[in-house]
Amino acid sequence: MFFDMIEGLKKGMMPEPAPLGGRCRAALSKKLALISQPPAYWIDDPKRNPVTEHLLWAILLLRDPDFLDVIVGIILMEQAESDGLSAEEFMQKSVEQLLALAPYTSFREQLKQHLAIK
């Protein structure tokens, strides 16, 4: 669902906000519909269950506080079910992986500035 965003980041290009926002809304709708089901029905197909990390990246790049609140809730639910990381740990690791996509240092710094990371 976020292939274009990821490939663009790997090439040092920021995604366009308008199409990314549309994909983000669609992905959030799919994700919320899925997690409203019992965990036994949560599927790993990224077409039906968008990758949470990719969705978080998109939301962080959009800098949308409402979407961020929603994704934090989703992360909490998923991590609680998997006995995984805390939401903060998950987000920190996800941001590190997002920054690792940057093909060169200046783009990584641009991403940090965009995300307001020191």
N, C-alpha and C. Protein backbone atom coordinates (compact mmCIF):
# COMPACT_ATOMS: atom_id res chain seq x y z
N MET A 1 0.82 -1.20 0.00
CA MET A 1 0.00 0.00 0.00
C MET A 1 0.86 1.26 0.00
N PHE A 2 2.05 1.15 0.59
CA PHE A 2 2.94 2.30 0.67
C PHE A 2 4.23 2.09 -0.12
N PHE A 3 4.18 1.22 -1.11
CA PHE A 3 5.34 0.89 -1.93
C PHE A 3 5.96 2.14 -2.54
N ASP A 4 5.14 3.01 -3.14
CA ASP A 4 5.66 4.21 -3.79
C ASP A 4 6.36 5.13 -2.79
N MET A 5 5.80 5.26 -1.60
CA MET A 5 6.41 6.09 -0.57
C MET A 5 7.77 5.53 -0.18
N ILE A 6 7.84 4.24 0.04
CA ILE A 6 9.08 3.60 0.48
C ILE A 6 10.14 3.69 -0.61
N GLU A 7 9.76 3.40 -1.84
CA GLU A 7 10.72 3.45 -2.95
C GLU A 7 11.22 4.89 -3.16
N GLY A 8 10.33 5.86 -3.02
CA GLY A 8 10.74 7.26 -3.15
C GLY A 8 11.72 7.65 -2.06
N LEU A 9 11.45 7.23 -0.84
CA LEU A 9 12.36 7.53 0.27
C LEU A 9 13.74 6.91 0.02
N LYS A 10 13.76 5.70 -0.50
CA LYS A 10 15.03 5.04 -0.80
C LYS A 10 15.82 5.78 -1.88
N LYS A 11 15.11 6.57 -2.69
CA LYS A 11 15.76 7.36 -3.75
C LYS A 11 16.03 8.79 -3.30
N GLY A 12 15.68 9.09 -2.04
CA GLY A 12 15.92 10.43 -1.52
C GLY A 12 14.83 11.43 -1.87
N MET A 13 13.61 10.96 -2.07
CA MET A 13 12.50 11.84 -2.42
C MET A 13 11.41 11.77 -1.36
N MET A 14 10.95 12.94 -0.94
CA MET A 14 9.83 13.01 0.00
C MET A 14 8.53 12.71 -0.76
N PRO A 15 7.59 12.01 -0.14
CA PRO A 15 6.33 11.72 -0.82
C PRO A 15 5.44 12.96 -0.92
N GLU A 16 4.60 12.97 -1.95
CA GLU A 16 3.63 14.04 -2.12
C GLU A 16 2.54 13.89 -1.05
N PRO A 17 2.22 14.95 -0.31
CA PRO A 17 1.26 14.85 0.79
C PRO A 17 -0.16 14.42 0.38
N ALA A 18 -0.68 14.95 -0.73
CA ALA A 18 -2.07 14.66 -1.09
C ALA A 18 -2.31 13.17 -1.36
N PRO A 19 -1.53 12.54 -2.26
CA PRO A 19 -1.77 11.10 -2.47
C PRO A 19 -1.45 10.26 -1.24
N LEU A 20 -0.42 10.67 -0.50
CA LEU A 20 -0.07 9.94 0.71
C LEU A 20 -1.20 10.02 1.74
N GLY A 21 -1.81 11.17 1.85
CA GLY A 21 -2.94 11.33 2.77
C GLY A 21 -4.10 10.42 2.41
N GLY A 22 -4.38 10.30 1.11
CA GLY A 22 -5.46 9.41 0.66
C GLY A 22 -5.15 7.95 0.98
N ARG A 23 -3.92 7.55 0.71
CA ARG A 23 -3.52 6.17 1.03
C ARG A 23 -3.58 5.92 2.53
N CYS A 24 -3.19 6.92 3.28
CA CYS A 24 -3.18 6.81 4.73
C CYS A 24 -4.61 6.62 5.27
N ARG A 25 -5.54 7.40 4.77
CA ARG A 25 -6.93 7.26 5.21
C ARG A 25 -7.47 5.88 4.86
N ALA A 26 -7.18 5.40 3.66
CA ALA A 26 -7.64 4.07 3.25
C ALA A 26 -7.01 2.99 4.12
N ALA A 27 -5.71 3.11 4.37
CA ALA A 27 -5.02 2.12 5.19
C ALA A 27 -5.53 2.12 6.63
N LEU A 28 -5.78 3.30 7.17
CA LEU A 28 -6.33 3.36 8.53
C LEU A 28 -7.70 2.71 8.60
N SER A 29 -8.53 2.94 7.59
CA SER A 29 -9.86 2.31 7.56
C SER A 29 -9.75 0.79 7.55
N LYS A 30 -8.85 0.28 6.70
CA LYS A 30 -8.64 -1.17 6.64
C LYS A 30 -8.13 -1.71 7.97
N LYS A 31 -7.15 -1.01 8.54
CA LYS A 31 -6.53 -1.47 9.78
C LYS A 31 -7.55 -1.46 10.92
N LEU A 32 -8.34 -0.40 11.01
CA LEU A 32 -9.34 -0.32 12.08
C LEU A 32 -10.41 -1.39 11.93
N ALA A 33 -10.81 -1.66 10.70
CA ALA A 33 -11.79 -2.72 10.47
C ALA A 33 -11.22 -4.07 10.89
N LEU A 34 -9.96 -4.29 10.59
CA LEU A 34 -9.34 -5.57 10.92
C LEU A 34 -9.17 -5.76 12.42
N ILE A 35 -8.65 -4.74 13.10
CA ILE A 35 -8.39 -4.93 14.53
C ILE A 35 -9.65 -4.89 15.38
N SER A 36 -10.78 -4.55 14.75
CA SER A 36 -12.05 -4.64 15.49
C SER A 36 -12.51 -6.09 15.60
N GLN A 37 -11.85 -6.96 14.82
CA GLN A 37 -12.14 -8.39 14.87
C GLN A 37 -11.30 -9.06 15.95
N PRO A 38 -11.69 -10.25 16.37
CA PRO A 38 -10.83 -10.98 17.32
C PRO A 38 -9.44 -11.23 16.71
N PRO A 39 -8.40 -11.21 17.51
CA PRO A 39 -7.04 -11.39 16.99
C PRO A 39 -6.84 -12.63 16.12
N ALA A 40 -7.60 -13.66 16.35
CA ALA A 40 -7.47 -14.86 15.53
C ALA A 40 -7.77 -14.58 14.06
N TYR A 41 -8.50 -13.51 13.77
CA TYR A 41 -8.87 -13.16 12.40
C TYR A 41 -7.93 -12.12 11.78
N TRP A 42 -6.94 -11.68 12.54
CA TRP A 42 -5.99 -10.71 11.99
C TRP A 42 -5.10 -11.44 11.00
N ILE A 43 -5.09 -11.00 9.79
CA ILE A 43 -4.33 -11.67 8.74
C ILE A 43 -3.05 -10.90 8.44
N ASP A 44 -2.10 -11.58 7.84
CA ASP A 44 -0.80 -10.96 7.53
C ASP A 44 -0.72 -10.43 6.11
N ASP A 45 -1.80 -10.48 5.37
CA ASP A 45 -1.81 -10.00 3.99
C ASP A 45 -1.79 -8.48 4.00
N PRO A 46 -0.69 -7.85 3.52
CA PRO A 46 -0.59 -6.39 3.59
C PRO A 46 -1.63 -5.65 2.74
N LYS A 47 -2.28 -6.34 1.81
CA LYS A 47 -3.35 -5.70 1.04
C LYS A 47 -4.59 -5.52 1.90
N ARG A 48 -4.79 -6.43 2.82
CA ARG A 48 -5.95 -6.35 3.71
C ARG A 48 -5.61 -5.78 5.07
N ASN A 49 -4.36 -5.98 5.48
CA ASN A 49 -3.89 -5.53 6.78
C ASN A 49 -2.61 -4.74 6.56
N PRO A 50 -2.72 -3.44 6.31
CA PRO A 50 -1.53 -2.63 6.04
C PRO A 50 -0.48 -2.78 7.14
N VAL A 51 0.77 -2.79 6.74
CA VAL A 51 1.88 -2.93 7.70
C VAL A 51 1.86 -1.71 8.62
N THR A 52 1.76 -1.96 9.91
CA THR A 52 1.64 -0.89 10.90
C THR A 52 2.82 0.07 10.82
N GLU A 53 4.01 -0.47 10.66
CA GLU A 53 5.19 0.38 10.59
C GLU A 53 5.12 1.33 9.39
N HIS A 54 4.69 0.84 8.24
CA HIS A 54 4.59 1.68 7.05
C HIS A 54 3.52 2.75 7.24
N LEU A 55 2.43 2.35 7.87
CA LEU A 55 1.36 3.30 8.16
C LEU A 55 1.86 4.39 9.12
N LEU A 56 2.62 4.00 10.11
CA LEU A 56 3.21 4.97 11.03
C LEU A 56 4.13 5.93 10.28
N TRP A 57 4.97 5.39 9.40
CA TRP A 57 5.87 6.25 8.62
C TRP A 57 5.09 7.29 7.84
N ALA A 58 4.03 6.84 7.17
CA ALA A 58 3.21 7.76 6.37
C ALA A 58 2.61 8.85 7.25
N ILE A 59 2.10 8.47 8.40
CA ILE A 59 1.49 9.44 9.31
C ILE A 59 2.53 10.42 9.84
N LEU A 60 3.70 9.93 10.17
CA LEU A 60 4.76 10.83 10.64
C LEU A 60 5.19 11.79 9.54
N LEU A 61 5.27 11.31 8.31
CA LEU A 61 5.64 12.18 7.20
C LEU A 61 4.56 13.22 6.91
N LEU A 62 3.30 12.85 7.14
CA LEU A 62 2.20 13.80 6.95
C LEU A 62 2.10 14.79 8.11
N ARG A 63 2.67 14.42 9.24
CA ARG A 63 2.60 15.24 10.46
C ARG A 63 1.16 15.54 10.85
N ASP A 64 0.33 14.51 10.82
CA ASP A 64 -1.09 14.66 11.14
C ASP A 64 -1.33 14.17 12.57
N PRO A 65 -1.64 15.08 13.50
CA PRO A 65 -1.80 14.68 14.90
C PRO A 65 -3.02 13.77 15.13
N ASP A 66 -4.07 13.94 14.35
CA ASP A 66 -5.25 13.07 14.52
C ASP A 66 -4.93 11.65 14.10
N PHE A 67 -4.28 11.50 12.94
CA PHE A 67 -3.88 10.17 12.48
C PHE A 67 -2.89 9.55 13.47
N LEU A 68 -2.01 10.37 14.04
CA LEU A 68 -1.03 9.86 14.98
C LEU A 68 -1.71 9.27 16.22
N ASP A 69 -2.73 9.93 16.72
CA ASP A 69 -3.47 9.39 17.86
C ASP A 69 -4.07 8.03 17.53
N VAL A 70 -4.60 7.89 16.32
CA VAL A 70 -5.22 6.63 15.91
C VAL A 70 -4.17 5.53 15.80
N ILE A 71 -3.05 5.83 15.16
CA ILE A 71 -2.02 4.78 14.97
C ILE A 71 -1.41 4.37 16.30
N VAL A 72 -1.27 5.29 17.25
CA VAL A 72 -0.75 4.91 18.57
C VAL A 72 -1.70 3.91 19.22
N GLY A 73 -3.00 4.14 19.11
CA GLY A 73 -3.97 3.19 19.64
C GLY A 73 -3.87 1.83 18.98
N ILE A 74 -3.68 1.83 17.67
CA ILE A 74 -3.52 0.57 16.93
C ILE A 74 -2.26 -0.16 17.39
N ILE A 75 -1.17 0.59 17.53
CA ILE A 75 0.09 -0.01 17.98
C ILE A 75 -0.09 -0.63 19.36
N LEU A 76 -0.75 0.09 20.25
CA LEU A 76 -0.99 -0.43 21.60
C LEU A 76 -1.77 -1.74 21.56
N MET A 77 -2.80 -1.80 20.73
CA MET A 77 -3.60 -3.02 20.62
C MET A 77 -2.78 -4.17 20.05
N GLU A 78 -2.06 -3.90 18.98
CA GLU A 78 -1.28 -4.97 18.35
C GLU A 78 -0.16 -5.47 19.25
N GLN A 79 0.54 -4.55 19.89
CA GLN A 79 1.66 -4.95 20.74
C GLN A 79 1.16 -5.66 22.00
N ALA A 80 0.02 -5.26 22.53
CA ALA A 80 -0.55 -5.94 23.70
C ALA A 80 -0.91 -7.38 23.34
N GLU A 81 -1.41 -7.56 22.14
CA GLU A 81 -1.81 -8.90 21.71
C GLU A 81 -0.59 -9.79 21.47
N SER A 82 0.51 -9.19 21.03
CA SER A 82 1.69 -9.99 20.71
C SER A 82 2.72 -10.01 21.84
N ASP A 83 2.39 -9.40 22.98
CA ASP A 83 3.35 -9.26 24.08
C ASP A 83 4.65 -8.66 23.58
N GLY A 84 4.49 -7.66 22.73
CA GLY A 84 5.65 -7.04 22.10
C GLY A 84 6.14 -5.82 22.83
N LEU A 85 6.64 -4.89 22.05
CA LEU A 85 7.22 -3.66 22.57
C LEU A 85 6.15 -2.70 23.06
N SER A 86 6.56 -1.74 23.88
CA SER A 86 5.64 -0.66 24.22
C SER A 86 5.44 0.19 22.97
N ALA A 87 4.43 1.02 22.97
CA ALA A 87 4.18 1.89 21.81
C ALA A 87 5.39 2.80 21.57
N GLU A 88 5.97 3.32 22.63
CA GLU A 88 7.14 4.20 22.48
C GLU A 88 8.32 3.47 21.86
N GLU A 89 8.57 2.23 22.32
CA GLU A 89 9.68 1.45 21.77
C GLU A 89 9.43 1.11 20.30
N PHE A 90 8.19 0.73 20.00
CA PHE A 90 7.83 0.40 18.62
C PHE A 90 8.04 1.62 17.73
N MET A 91 7.58 2.76 18.19
CA MET A 91 7.70 3.97 17.39
C MET A 91 9.16 4.37 17.21
N GLN A 92 9.95 4.25 18.26
CA GLN A 92 11.37 4.60 18.18
C GLN A 92 12.08 3.70 17.17
N LYS A 93 11.85 2.39 17.23
CA LYS A 93 12.47 1.47 16.28
C LYS A 93 11.99 1.74 14.86
N SER A 94 10.72 2.06 14.72
CA SER A 94 10.16 2.36 13.41
C SER A 94 10.79 3.60 12.80
N VAL A 95 10.98 4.62 13.61
CA VAL A 95 11.62 5.85 13.13
C VAL A 95 13.06 5.57 12.72
N GLU A 96 13.76 4.76 13.51
CA GLU A 96 15.14 4.39 13.13
C GLU A 96 15.16 3.69 11.78
N GLN A 97 14.18 2.80 11.55
CA GLN A 97 14.13 2.08 10.27
C GLN A 97 13.73 3.02 9.13
N LEU A 98 12.88 3.99 9.42
CA LEU A 98 12.53 4.99 8.41
C LEU A 98 13.76 5.79 8.01
N LEU A 99 14.51 6.25 9.00
CA LEU A 99 15.71 7.03 8.71
C LEU A 99 16.76 6.19 7.97
N ALA A 100 16.78 4.89 8.23
CA ALA A 100 17.73 4.00 7.56
C ALA A 100 17.44 3.87 6.06
N LEU A 101 16.23 4.22 5.64
CA LEU A 101 15.89 4.16 4.21
C LEU A 101 16.61 5.26 3.42
N ALA A 102 16.97 6.33 4.10
CA ALA A 102 17.60 7.47 3.42
C ALA A 102 18.90 7.04 2.75
N PRO A 103 19.04 7.32 1.45
CA PRO A 103 20.23 6.86 0.73
C PRO A 103 21.50 7.66 1.01
N TYR A 104 21.34 8.84 1.59
CA TYR A 104 22.52 9.65 1.88
C TYR A 104 22.25 10.53 3.11
N THR A 105 23.31 10.99 3.72
CA THR A 105 23.24 11.70 4.99
C THR A 105 22.39 12.97 4.92
N SER A 106 22.51 13.74 3.87
CA SER A 106 21.76 14.99 3.80
C SER A 106 20.26 14.73 3.75
N PHE A 107 19.85 13.66 3.09
CA PHE A 107 18.42 13.33 3.06
C PHE A 107 17.97 12.83 4.42
N ARG A 108 18.83 12.07 5.11
CA ARG A 108 18.51 11.61 6.45
C ARG A 108 18.31 12.81 7.37
N GLU A 109 19.15 13.82 7.24
CA GLU A 109 19.02 15.04 8.04
C GLU A 109 17.74 15.79 7.68
N GLN A 110 17.40 15.80 6.39
CA GLN A 110 16.15 16.43 5.96
C GLN A 110 14.95 15.71 6.58
N LEU A 111 14.99 14.37 6.60
CA LEU A 111 13.92 13.60 7.22
C LEU A 111 13.82 13.92 8.72
N LYS A 112 14.97 13.96 9.38
CA LYS A 112 14.97 14.28 10.82
C LYS A 112 14.36 15.64 11.07
N GLN A 113 14.72 16.61 10.23
CA GLN A 113 14.17 17.95 10.38
C GLN A 113 12.66 17.95 10.14
N HIS A 114 12.23 17.23 9.12
CA HIS A 114 10.80 17.14 8.81
C HIS A 114 10.02 16.49 9.96
N LEU A 115 10.63 15.47 10.55
CA LEU A 115 10.00 14.76 11.64
C LEU A 115 10.22 15.43 12.99
N ALA A 116 11.01 16.51 13.00
CA ALA A 116 11.36 17.25 14.21
C ALA A 116 12.09 16.35 15.21
N ILE A 117 13.10 15.63 14.69
CA ILE A 117 13.93 14.76 15.51
C ILE A 117 15.30 15.38 15.65
N LYS A 118 15.85 15.35 16.83
CA LYS A 118 17.19 15.91 17.05
C LYS A 118 18.25 14.88 16.80
